[in-house]
């Protein structure tokens, strides 16, 4: 049976280099499940694969969008399922890698079919948010959908606004579209999670941010600064530098904030991933053990239940 191997883990853990070696061993292309590597203007800040890495292994969904293109987890689900239908005709085991939790879940579990919001409704709500703040939008959500109002993270303005967008456009509560039912897939799924000791991961994140600065992240952020209001740029690395450009922070503080917020995001990713009992956890150096876990899927024999000996220590 065809198989999708999902290599996941927090930012900075070492997914990219290992994914290349695994893909070469499996004879597989790589599908990216990083929601920001889709945008072609952001290669440095999203740690997108380099030209050399892209030449080593065929990649999909890297640099396919402009920062002002609208894209969603439901569109990602549709694109990847269609892509897998084509790729599985000739390659039984396909590798997908990234750390975007919602995008991974969209492919593995499916996502509720929520109507696409019109640009007019989205622009009106974001304009209201810019001028009045989140309070009146929260009040509208409480009135239109008290069920989701009790559940939503009220500090996450994007989720609050999106729920109200759906309420306005359809005249129905956002919660009425959320079934949380798992979709059947015509392929098996094997999830490989990468983890490191917390101190080790934090050191890697700090070093990676320093390397991004040396590679030109400040200049990259300055080029997209005119689009700072877009959701695609509400991203660690850019939003901190925008505050430097605005004169709110010195560059040194902005860089420290990037490091701190990257570490916070890594913890958030691990909290999300730890809820999933289907993930087999490994240190990135356990390449042989990872391949031993994949190979029963590759050769279509019964899966020997091998799991990593490490625990995700977050």
C-alpha atoms as a PDB file:
ATOM      1  CA  UNK A   1       0.000   0.000   0.000  1.00  0.00           C
ATOM      2  CA  UNK A   2       1.202   3.520  -0.740  1.00  0.00           C
ATOM      3  CA  UNK A   3       2.682   5.374   2.218  1.00  0.00           C
ATOM      4  CA  UNK A   4       3.267   8.941   3.336  1.00  0.00           C
ATOM      5  CA  UNK A   5       6.171   9.386   5.752  1.00  0.00           C
ATOM      6  CA  UNK A   6       5.816  12.622   7.733  1.00  0.00           C
ATOM      7  CA  UNK A   7       9.059  13.941   9.221  1.00  0.00           C
ATOM      8  CA  UNK A   8       8.093  16.577  11.760  1.00  0.00           C
ATOM      9  CA  UNK A   9       9.503  18.446  14.720  1.00  0.00           C
ATOM     10  CA  UNK A  10      10.138  21.902  16.159  1.00  0.00           C
ATOM     11  CA  UNK A  11      11.933  24.707  14.387  1.00  0.00           C
ATOM     12  CA  UNK A  12      15.702  24.292  14.384  1.00  0.00           C
ATOM     13  CA  UNK A  13      15.703  20.598  15.287  1.00  0.00           C
ATOM     14  CA  UNK A  14      17.398  19.500  12.038  1.00  0.00           C
ATOM     15  CA  UNK A  15      14.599  18.332   9.738  1.00  0.00           C
ATOM     16  CA  UNK A  16      15.982  19.718   6.472  1.00  0.00           C
ATOM     17  CA  UNK A  17      19.328  17.932   6.239  1.00  0.00           C
ATOM     18  CA  UNK A  18      17.948  14.644   7.529  1.00  0.00           C
ATOM     19  CA  UNK A  19      15.002  14.844   5.122  1.00  0.00           C
ATOM     20  CA  UNK A  20      17.430  15.084   2.211  1.00  0.00           C
ATOM     21  CA  UNK A  21      19.292  11.950   3.262  1.00  0.00           C
ATOM     22  CA  UNK A  22      16.068  10.049   3.937  1.00  0.00           C
ATOM     23  CA  UNK A  23      14.605  11.099   0.591  1.00  0.00           C
ATOM     24  CA  UNK A  24      17.747   9.953  -1.220  1.00  0.00           C
ATOM     25  CA  UNK A  25      17.602   6.609   0.592  1.00  0.00           C
ATOM     26  CA  UNK A  26      13.904   6.148  -0.188  1.00  0.00           C
ATOM     27  CA  UNK A  27      14.074   7.432  -3.761  1.00  0.00           C
ATOM     28  CA  UNK A  28      11.402   9.946  -2.844  1.00  0.00           C
ATOM     29  CA  UNK A  29      10.807  13.625  -3.565  1.00  0.00           C
ATOM     30  CA  UNK A  30      10.062  15.923  -0.619  1.00  0.00           C
ATOM     31  CA  UNK A  31       6.781  17.714   0.009  1.00  0.00           C
ATOM     32  CA  UNK A  32       7.202  20.705   2.293  1.00  0.00           C
ATOM     33  CA  UNK A  33       4.679  21.144   5.109  1.00  0.00           C
ATOM     34  CA  UNK A  34       6.065  24.522   6.166  1.00  0.00           C
ATOM     35  CA  UNK A  35       3.372  27.157   5.790  1.00  0.00           C
ATOM     36  CA  UNK A  36       5.865  30.001   5.282  1.00  0.00           C
ATOM     37  CA  UNK A  37       8.329  28.324   2.917  1.00  0.00           C
ATOM     38  CA  UNK A  38       5.540  28.544   0.352  1.00  0.00           C
ATOM     39  CA  UNK A  39       6.347  32.257  -0.084  1.00  0.00           C
ATOM     40  CA  UNK A  40       9.131  32.911  -2.554  1.00  0.00           C
ATOM     41  CA  UNK A  41      10.164  36.249  -1.025  1.00  0.00           C
ATOM     42  CA  UNK A  42      11.057  34.700   2.362  1.00  0.00           C
ATOM     43  CA  UNK A  43      13.817  32.106   1.829  1.00  0.00           C
ATOM     44  CA  UNK A  44      16.170  33.323   4.574  1.00  0.00           C
ATOM     45  CA  UNK A  45      13.704  33.911   7.392  1.00  0.00           C
ATOM     46  CA  UNK A  46      11.903  30.616   6.774  1.00  0.00           C
ATOM     47  CA  UNK A  47      15.135  28.597   6.410  1.00  0.00           C
ATOM     48  CA  UNK A  48      13.930  27.335   3.034  1.00  0.00           C
ATOM     49  CA  UNK A  49      16.092  24.732   1.281  1.00  0.00           C
ATOM     50  CA  UNK A  50      18.990  26.248  -0.627  1.00  0.00           C
ATOM     51  CA  UNK A  51      19.415  25.974  -4.393  1.00  0.00           C
ATOM     52  CA  UNK A  52      21.954  23.200  -3.829  1.00  0.00           C
ATOM     53  CA  UNK A  53      19.524  21.279  -1.618  1.00  0.00           C
ATOM     54  CA  UNK A  54      16.721  21.737  -4.122  1.00  0.00           C
ATOM     55  CA  UNK A  55      18.991  20.290  -6.787  1.00  0.00           C
ATOM     56  CA  UNK A  56      19.795  17.239  -4.619  1.00  0.00           C
ATOM     57  CA  UNK A  57      16.148  16.224  -4.201  1.00  0.00           C
ATOM     58  CA  UNK A  58      12.992  17.291  -6.001  1.00  0.00           C
ATOM     59  CA  UNK A  59      10.877  19.477  -3.694  1.00  0.00           C
ATOM     60  CA  UNK A  60       7.232  20.486  -3.892  1.00  0.00           C
ATOM     61  CA  UNK A  61       5.459  23.503  -2.360  1.00  0.00           C
ATOM     62  CA  UNK A  62       8.594  25.599  -1.873  1.00  0.00           C
ATOM     63  CA  UNK A  63       8.442  29.207  -3.104  1.00  0.00           C
ATOM     64  CA  UNK A  64       5.228  28.717  -5.048  1.00  0.00           C
ATOM     65  CA  UNK A  65       3.377  31.786  -3.717  1.00  0.00           C
ATOM     66  CA  UNK A  66       3.858  35.552  -3.470  1.00  0.00           C
ATOM     67  CA  UNK A  67       3.497  37.085  -0.004  1.00  0.00           C
ATOM     68  CA  UNK A  68       0.193  38.691  -0.982  1.00  0.00           C
ATOM     69  CA  UNK A  69      -1.348  35.427  -2.204  1.00  0.00           C
ATOM     70  CA  UNK A  70      -4.110  33.998  -0.027  1.00  0.00           C
ATOM     71  CA  UNK A  71      -3.541  30.416   1.094  1.00  0.00           C
ATOM     72  CA  UNK A  72      -4.979  28.218   3.822  1.00  0.00           C
ATOM     73  CA  UNK A  73      -4.619  24.830   5.483  1.00  0.00           C
ATOM     74  CA  UNK A  74      -7.638  23.575   3.531  1.00  0.00           C
ATOM     75  CA  UNK A  75      -5.993  24.573   0.248  1.00  0.00           C
ATOM     76  CA  UNK A  76      -2.806  22.853   1.386  1.00  0.00           C
ATOM     77  CA  UNK A  77      -4.786  19.682   2.110  1.00  0.00           C
ATOM     78  CA  UNK A  78      -6.299  19.758  -1.359  1.00  0.00           C
ATOM     79  CA  UNK A  79      -2.956  20.417  -3.064  1.00  0.00           C
ATOM     80  CA  UNK A  80      -1.067  17.677  -1.215  1.00  0.00           C
ATOM     81  CA  UNK A  81      -3.757  15.011  -1.615  1.00  0.00           C
ATOM     82  CA  UNK A  82      -3.858  15.722  -5.352  1.00  0.00           C
ATOM     83  CA  UNK A  83      -0.058  15.689  -5.544  1.00  0.00           C
ATOM     84  CA  UNK A  84       0.177  12.388  -3.674  1.00  0.00           C
ATOM     85  CA  UNK A  85      -2.314  10.776  -6.056  1.00  0.00           C
ATOM     86  CA  UNK A  86       0.093  11.555  -8.899  1.00  0.00           C
ATOM     87  CA  UNK A  87       3.353  10.745  -7.107  1.00  0.00           C
ATOM     88  CA  UNK A  88       2.143   7.458  -5.655  1.00  0.00           C
ATOM     89  CA  UNK A  89       1.597   6.101  -9.153  1.00  0.00           C
ATOM     90  CA  UNK A  90       5.361   5.706  -9.513  1.00  0.00           C
ATOM     91  CA  UNK A  91       6.768   6.139  -5.987  1.00  0.00           C
ATOM     92  CA  UNK A  92       5.156   4.072  -3.208  1.00  0.00           C
ATOM     93  CA  UNK A  93       6.779   5.948  -0.304  1.00  0.00           C
ATOM     94  CA  UNK A  94       6.656   9.754  -0.291  1.00  0.00           C
ATOM     95  CA  UNK A  95       8.343  11.980   2.304  1.00  0.00           C
ATOM     96  CA  UNK A  96       6.704  15.126   3.660  1.00  0.00           C
ATOM     97  CA  UNK A  97       8.568  17.318   6.110  1.00  0.00           C
ATOM     98  CA  UNK A  98       7.952  20.506   8.064  1.00  0.00           C
ATOM     99  CA  UNK A  99       6.731  21.878  11.350  1.00  0.00           C
ATOM    100  CA  UNK A 100       3.444  23.622  10.567  1.00  0.00           C
ATOM    101  CA  UNK A 101       1.062  21.815  12.865  1.00  0.00           C
ATOM    102  CA  UNK A 102      -2.228  22.709  11.164  1.00  0.00           C
ATOM    103  CA  UNK A 103      -0.876  21.877   7.720  1.00  0.00           C
ATOM    104  CA  UNK A 104       0.360  18.471   8.854  1.00  0.00           C
ATOM    105  CA  UNK A 105      -2.968  17.696  10.504  1.00  0.00           C
ATOM    106  CA  UNK A 106      -4.821  18.853   7.395  1.00  0.00           C
ATOM    107  CA  UNK A 107      -3.082  16.169   5.325  1.00  0.00           C
ATOM    108  CA  UNK A 108      -3.057  13.402   7.936  1.00  0.00           C
ATOM    109  CA  UNK A 109      -6.516  13.888   9.431  1.00  0.00           C
ATOM    110  CA  UNK A 110      -8.353  16.213   7.083  1.00  0.00           C
ATOM    111  CA  UNK A 111      -9.767  19.624   7.765  1.00  0.00           C
ATOM    112  CA  UNK A 112     -13.347  20.794   7.933  1.00  0.00           C
ATOM    113  CA  UNK A 113     -14.652  22.301   4.714  1.00  0.00           C
ATOM    114  CA  UNK A 114     -15.114  25.909   5.732  1.00  0.00           C
ATOM    115  CA  UNK A 115     -16.239  28.422   3.073  1.00  0.00           C
ATOM    116  CA  UNK A 116     -13.620  30.674   1.511  1.00  0.00           C
ATOM    117  CA  UNK A 117     -13.916  34.230   2.781  1.00  0.00           C
ATOM    118  CA  UNK A 118     -14.386  37.011   0.250  1.00  0.00           C
ATOM    119  CA  UNK A 119     -11.630  39.674   0.111  1.00  0.00           C
ATOM    120  CA  UNK A 120     -14.192  42.382   0.929  1.00  0.00           C
ATOM    121  CA  UNK A 121     -15.195  40.786   4.239  1.00  0.00           C
ATOM    122  CA  UNK A 122     -11.582  40.081   5.186  1.00  0.00           C
ATOM    123  CA  UNK A 123     -10.457  43.637   4.388  1.00  0.00           C
ATOM    124  CA  UNK A 124     -13.370  45.130   6.312  1.00  0.00           C
ATOM    125  CA  UNK A 125     -12.608  43.120   9.435  1.00  0.00           C
ATOM    126  CA  UNK A 126      -8.881  43.789   9.375  1.00  0.00           C
ATOM    127  CA  UNK A 127      -9.592  47.488   8.852  1.00  0.00           C
ATOM    128  CA  UNK A 128     -11.918  47.406  11.855  1.00  0.00           C
ATOM    129  CA  UNK A 129      -9.243  45.604  13.878  1.00  0.00           C
ATOM    130  CA  UNK A 130      -6.644  48.220  12.923  1.00  0.00           C
ATOM    131  CA  UNK A 131      -8.863  51.129  13.965  1.00  0.00           C
ATOM    132  CA  UNK A 132     -10.860  49.731  16.891  1.00  0.00           C
ATOM    133  CA  UNK A 133      -8.860  46.798  18.224  1.00  0.00           C
ATOM    134  CA  UNK A 134     -10.117  43.306  18.940  1.00  0.00           C
ATOM    135  CA  UNK A 135     -12.756  44.071  21.591  1.00  0.00           C
ATOM    136  CA  UNK A 136     -15.710  44.840  19.244  1.00  0.00           C
ATOM    137  CA  UNK A 137     -14.849  41.829  17.073  1.00  0.00           C
ATOM    138  CA  UNK A 138     -14.824  39.592  20.141  1.00  0.00           C
ATOM    139  CA  UNK A 139     -18.188  41.033  21.124  1.00  0.00           C
ATOM    140  CA  UNK A 140     -19.561  40.201  17.685  1.00  0.00           C
ATOM    141  CA  UNK A 141     -18.242  36.648  17.941  1.00  0.00           C
ATOM    142  CA  UNK A 142     -19.856  36.222  21.366  1.00  0.00           C
ATOM    143  CA  UNK A 143     -23.189  37.280  19.882  1.00  0.00           C
ATOM    144  CA  UNK A 144     -22.913  35.303  16.630  1.00  0.00           C
ATOM    145  CA  UNK A 145     -21.294  32.123  17.976  1.00  0.00           C
ATOM    146  CA  UNK A 146     -21.242  31.786  21.772  1.00  0.00           C
ATOM    147  CA  UNK A 147     -19.997  28.188  21.492  1.00  0.00           C
ATOM    148  CA  UNK A 148     -16.830  29.122  19.617  1.00  0.00           C
ATOM    149  CA  UNK A 149     -16.417  32.254  21.729  1.00  0.00           C
ATOM    150  CA  UNK A 150     -15.938  30.017  24.783  1.00  0.00           C
ATOM    151  CA  UNK A 151     -13.382  27.841  22.980  1.00  0.00           C
ATOM    152  CA  UNK A 152     -11.261  30.265  20.954  1.00  0.00           C
ATOM    153  CA  UNK A 153      -7.950  31.698  22.143  1.00  0.00           C
ATOM    154  CA  UNK A 154      -9.090  35.300  22.583  1.00  0.00           C
ATOM    155  CA  UNK A 155      -5.501  36.552  22.415  1.00  0.00           C
ATOM    156  CA  UNK A 156      -5.082  35.079  18.922  1.00  0.00           C
ATOM    157  CA  UNK A 157      -6.580  37.827  16.788  1.00  0.00           C
ATOM    158  CA  UNK A 158      -6.231  35.857  13.556  1.00  0.00           C
ATOM    159  CA  UNK A 159      -8.434  33.041  14.811  1.00  0.00           C
ATOM    160  CA  UNK A 160     -10.976  35.435  16.277  1.00  0.00           C
ATOM    161  CA  UNK A 161     -11.169  37.436  13.058  1.00  0.00           C
ATOM    162  CA  UNK A 162     -11.426  34.310  10.904  1.00  0.00           C
ATOM    163  CA  UNK A 163     -14.361  33.013  12.947  1.00  0.00           C
ATOM    164  CA  UNK A 164     -16.198  36.328  12.587  1.00  0.00           C
ATOM    165  CA  UNK A 165     -15.416  36.369   8.848  1.00  0.00           C
ATOM    166  CA  UNK A 166     -17.266  33.059   8.476  1.00  0.00           C
ATOM    167  CA  UNK A 167     -20.168  34.262  10.630  1.00  0.00           C
ATOM    168  CA  UNK A 168     -20.573  37.420   8.556  1.00  0.00           C
ATOM    169  CA  UNK A 169     -20.271  35.690   5.211  1.00  0.00           C
ATOM    170  CA  UNK A 170     -22.588  32.742   5.864  1.00  0.00           C
ATOM    171  CA  UNK A 171     -24.926  34.055   8.521  1.00  0.00           C
ATOM    172  CA  UNK A 172     -24.190  30.830  10.452  1.00  0.00           C
ATOM    173  CA  UNK A 173     -22.025  30.179  13.535  1.00  0.00           C
ATOM    174  CA  UNK A 174     -18.424  29.287  12.761  1.00  0.00           C
ATOM    175  CA  UNK A 175     -18.750  26.293  15.112  1.00  0.00           C
ATOM    176  CA  UNK A 176     -21.429  24.790  12.859  1.00  0.00           C
ATOM    177  CA  UNK A 177     -18.784  24.113  10.202  1.00  0.00           C
ATOM    178  CA  UNK A 178     -16.409  22.328  12.578  1.00  0.00           C
ATOM    179  CA  UNK A 179     -17.094  18.589  12.688  1.00  0.00           C
ATOM    180  CA  UNK A 180     -13.602  17.407  13.750  1.00  0.00           C
ATOM    181  CA  UNK A 181     -14.212  14.145  11.905  1.00  0.00           C
ATOM    182  CA  UNK A 182     -11.170  12.302  10.590  1.00  0.00           C
ATOM    183  CA  UNK A 183     -11.057  11.671   6.854  1.00  0.00           C
ATOM    184  CA  UNK A 184     -10.044   8.333   5.385  1.00  0.00           C
ATOM    185  CA  UNK A 185      -6.910   8.425   3.230  1.00  0.00           C
ATOM    186  CA  UNK A 186      -6.026   5.989   0.410  1.00  0.00           C
ATOM    187  CA  UNK A 187      -2.486   5.619   1.811  1.00  0.00           C
ATOM    188  CA  UNK A 188      -0.812   4.704   5.080  1.00  0.00           C
ATOM    189  CA  UNK A 189       0.779   7.390   7.234  1.00  0.00           C
ATOM    190  CA  UNK A 190       3.942   7.020   9.305  1.00  0.00           C
ATOM    191  CA  UNK A 191       4.909   9.960  11.509  1.00  0.00           C
ATOM    192  CA  UNK A 192       8.543  10.398  12.518  1.00  0.00           C
ATOM    193  CA  UNK A 193       9.173  13.093  15.126  1.00  0.00           C
ATOM    194  CA  UNK A 194      12.562  14.671  15.792  1.00  0.00           C
ATOM    195  CA  UNK A 195      13.485  15.953  19.228  1.00  0.00           C
ATOM    196  CA  UNK A 196      16.574  17.195  21.071  1.00  0.00           C
ATOM    197  CA  UNK A 197      17.340  18.107  24.652  1.00  0.00           C
ATOM    198  CA  UNK A 198      15.923  21.520  25.393  1.00  0.00           C
ATOM    199  CA  UNK A 199      19.306  23.199  25.905  1.00  0.00           C
ATOM    200  CA  UNK A 200      20.651  21.681  22.705  1.00  0.00           C
ATOM    201  CA  UNK A 201      17.653  22.863  20.707  1.00  0.00           C
ATOM    202  CA  UNK A 202      17.799  26.378  22.164  1.00  0.00           C
ATOM    203  CA  UNK A 203      21.487  26.645  21.243  1.00  0.00           C
ATOM    204  CA  UNK A 204      20.728  25.540  17.693  1.00  0.00           C
ATOM    205  CA  UNK A 205      17.913  28.075  17.379  1.00  0.00           C
ATOM    206  CA  UNK A 206      20.153  30.903  18.618  1.00  0.00           C
ATOM    207  CA  UNK A 207      22.917  29.925  16.210  1.00  0.00           C
ATOM    208  CA  UNK A 208      20.490  29.656  13.310  1.00  0.00           C
ATOM    209  CA  UNK A 209      19.135  33.155  13.931  1.00  0.00           C
ATOM    210  CA  UNK A 210      22.697  34.531  13.971  1.00  0.00           C
ATOM    211  CA  UNK A 211      23.337  32.767  10.653  1.00  0.00           C
ATOM    212  CA  UNK A 212      20.145  34.195   9.163  1.00  0.00           C
ATOM    213  CA  UNK A 213      21.297  37.691  10.083  1.00  0.00           C
ATOM    214  CA  UNK A 214      24.658  37.037   8.413  1.00  0.00           C
ATOM    215  CA  UNK A 215      22.846  35.664   5.344  1.00  0.00           C
ATOM    216  CA  UNK A 216      20.843  38.891   4.920  1.00  0.00           C
ATOM    217  CA  UNK A 217      17.621  38.523   6.900  1.00  0.00           C
ATOM    218  CA  UNK A 218      17.490  42.251   7.690  1.00  0.00           C
ATOM    219  CA  UNK A 219      17.655  43.125   3.996  1.00  0.00           C
ATOM    220  CA  UNK A 220      15.071  40.454   3.146  1.00  0.00           C
ATOM    221  CA  UNK A 221      12.693  41.823   5.784  1.00  0.00           C
ATOM    222  CA  UNK A 222      13.192  45.366   4.498  1.00  0.00           C
ATOM    223  CA  UNK A 223      12.163  44.287   0.991  1.00  0.00           C
ATOM    224  CA  UNK A 224       8.827  42.937   2.233  1.00  0.00           C
ATOM    225  CA  UNK A 225       8.259  45.696   4.811  1.00  0.00           C
ATOM    226  CA  UNK A 226       5.639  47.429   2.602  1.00  0.00           C
ATOM    227  CA  UNK A 227       3.509  44.273   2.948  1.00  0.00           C
ATOM    228  CA  UNK A 228       3.847  44.020   6.718  1.00  0.00           C
ATOM    229  CA  UNK A 229       0.074  43.968   7.242  1.00  0.00           C
ATOM    230  CA  UNK A 230      -0.279  40.632   5.453  1.00  0.00           C
ATOM    231  CA  UNK A 231      -0.858  37.428   7.394  1.00  0.00           C
ATOM    232  CA  UNK A 232       2.073  35.781   5.615  1.00  0.00           C
ATOM    233  CA  UNK A 233       4.409  38.235   7.370  1.00  0.00           C
ATOM    234  CA  UNK A 234       2.947  37.834  10.836  1.00  0.00           C
ATOM    235  CA  UNK A 235       5.888  35.529  11.378  1.00  0.00           C
ATOM    236  CA  UNK A 236       8.822  35.274  13.765  1.00  0.00           C
ATOM    237  CA  UNK A 237      11.832  36.993  12.230  1.00  0.00           C
ATOM    238  CA  UNK A 238       9.888  39.566  10.278  1.00  0.00           C
ATOM    239  CA  UNK A 239       7.527  41.115  12.812  1.00  0.00           C
ATOM    240  CA  UNK A 240      10.470  41.791  15.176  1.00  0.00           C
ATOM    241  CA  UNK A 241      12.524  43.446  12.429  1.00  0.00           C
ATOM    242  CA  UNK A 242       9.524  45.540  11.419  1.00  0.00           C
ATOM    243  CA  UNK A 243       9.592  47.047  14.902  1.00  0.00           C
ATOM    244  CA  UNK A 244      13.283  47.823  14.368  1.00  0.00           C
ATOM    245  CA  UNK A 245      12.415  49.543  11.077  1.00  0.00           C
ATOM    246  CA  UNK A 246       9.695  51.507  12.898  1.00  0.00           C
ATOM    247  CA  UNK A 247      12.282  52.775  15.367  1.00  0.00           C
ATOM    248  CA  UNK A 248      10.698  50.999  18.339  1.00  0.00           C
ATOM    249  CA  UNK A 249      13.635  48.666  19.023  1.00  0.00           C
ATOM    250  CA  UNK A 250      17.375  48.735  18.333  1.00  0.00           C
ATOM    251  CA  UNK A 251      18.594  45.978  16.014  1.00  0.00           C
ATOM    252  CA  UNK A 252      20.268  44.067  18.845  1.00  0.00           C
ATOM    253  CA  UNK A 253      16.978  43.853  20.756  1.00  0.00           C
ATOM    254  CA  UNK A 254      15.069  42.788  17.648  1.00  0.00           C
ATOM    255  CA  UNK A 255      17.536  39.935  17.104  1.00  0.00           C
ATOM    256  CA  UNK A 256      17.235  38.811  20.726  1.00  0.00           C
ATOM    257  CA  UNK A 257      13.455  38.901  20.374  1.00  0.00           C
ATOM    258  CA  UNK A 258      13.666  36.723  17.245  1.00  0.00           C
ATOM    259  CA  UNK A 259      15.672  34.157  19.204  1.00  0.00           C
ATOM    260  CA  UNK A 260      13.294  34.258  22.149  1.00  0.00           C
ATOM    261  CA  UNK A 261      10.148  34.032  20.031  1.00  0.00           C
ATOM    262  CA  UNK A 262      11.639  31.188  17.985  1.00  0.00           C
ATOM    263  CA  UNK A 263      12.255  29.260  21.202  1.00  0.00           C
ATOM    264  CA  UNK A 264       8.689  29.985  22.337  1.00  0.00           C
ATOM    265  CA  UNK A 265       7.357  28.750  19.000  1.00  0.00           C
ATOM    266  CA  UNK A 266       9.421  25.552  19.294  1.00  0.00           C
ATOM    267  CA  UNK A 267       7.839  24.863  22.683  1.00  0.00           C
ATOM    268  CA  UNK A 268       4.388  25.492  21.209  1.00  0.00           C
ATOM    269  CA  UNK A 269       5.112  23.032  18.400  1.00  0.00           C
ATOM    270  CA  UNK A 270       6.221  20.344  20.842  1.00  0.00           C
ATOM    271  CA  UNK A 271       3.151  20.859  23.007  1.00  0.00           C
ATOM    272  CA  UNK A 272       0.993  20.305  19.914  1.00  0.00           C
ATOM    273  CA  UNK A 273       2.940  17.277  18.675  1.00  0.00           C
ATOM    274  CA  UNK A 274       3.010  15.578  22.082  1.00  0.00           C
ATOM    275  CA  UNK A 275      -0.771  15.162  21.904  1.00  0.00           C
ATOM    276  CA  UNK A 276      -0.366  12.757  18.984  1.00  0.00           C
ATOM    277  CA  UNK A 277       0.309   9.159  20.077  1.00  0.00           C
ATOM    278  CA  UNK A 278       1.012   8.127  16.464  1.00  0.00           C
ATOM    279  CA  UNK A 279       4.386   9.905  16.376  1.00  0.00           C
ATOM    280  CA  UNK A 280       7.554   7.795  16.686  1.00  0.00           C
ATOM    281  CA  UNK A 281      10.192   9.984  18.385  1.00  0.00           C
ATOM    282  CA  UNK A 282      13.912  10.023  17.595  1.00  0.00           C
ATOM    283  CA  UNK A 283      16.996  12.197  17.957  1.00  0.00           C
ATOM    284  CA  UNK A 284      18.081  13.399  14.484  1.00  0.00           C
ATOM    285  CA  UNK A 285      21.289  11.375  14.858  1.00  0.00           C
ATOM    286  CA  UNK A 286      19.275   8.139  14.987  1.00  0.00           C
ATOM    287  CA  UNK A 287      19.116   7.918  11.213  1.00  0.00           C
ATOM    288  CA  UNK A 288      19.544   4.139  11.092  1.00  0.00           C
ATOM    289  CA  UNK A 289      16.738   3.601  13.589  1.00  0.00           C
ATOM    290  CA  UNK A 290      14.498   5.934  11.603  1.00  0.00           C
ATOM    291  CA  UNK A 291      15.178   4.044   8.370  1.00  0.00           C
ATOM    292  CA  UNK A 292      14.557   0.738  10.152  1.00  0.00           C
ATOM    293  CA  UNK A 293      11.137   2.085  11.148  1.00  0.00           C
ATOM    294  CA  UNK A 294      10.361   3.273   7.609  1.00  0.00           C
ATOM    295  CA  UNK A 295      11.561   0.189   5.743  1.00  0.00           C
ATOM    296  CA  UNK A 296       8.674  -2.145   6.682  1.00  0.00           C
ATOM    297  CA  UNK A 297       6.362   0.424   5.105  1.00  0.00           C
ATOM    298  CA  UNK A 298       8.630   0.726   2.102  1.00  0.00           C
ATOM    299  CA  UNK A 299       8.672  -2.961   1.328  1.00  0.00           C
ATOM    300  CA  UNK A 300       4.995  -3.583   2.097  1.00  0.00           C
ATOM    301  CA  UNK A 301       5.547  -6.093   4.888  1.00  0.00           C
ATOM    302  CA  UNK A 302       3.710  -5.937   8.239  1.00  0.00           C
ATOM    303  CA  UNK A 303       4.894  -3.011  10.311  1.00  0.00           C
ATOM    304  CA  UNK A 304       7.195  -3.977  13.152  1.00  0.00           C
ATOM    305  CA  UNK A 305       6.316  -1.605  15.962  1.00  0.00           C
ATOM    306  CA  UNK A 306       9.642   0.127  16.470  1.00  0.00           C
ATOM    307  CA  UNK A 307       9.674   3.424  18.321  1.00  0.00           C
ATOM    308  CA  UNK A 308      12.393   5.780  19.346  1.00  0.00           C
ATOM    309  CA  UNK A 309      13.774   5.481  22.854  1.00  0.00           C
ATOM    310  CA  UNK A 310      13.726   9.226  23.406  1.00  0.00           C
ATOM    311  CA  UNK A 311      10.887  11.085  25.016  1.00  0.00           C
ATOM    312  CA  UNK A 312       9.907  14.548  23.864  1.00  0.00           C
ATOM    313  CA  UNK A 313      11.088  16.458  26.914  1.00  0.00           C
ATOM    314  CA  UNK A 314       8.953  19.587  26.670  1.00  0.00           C
END
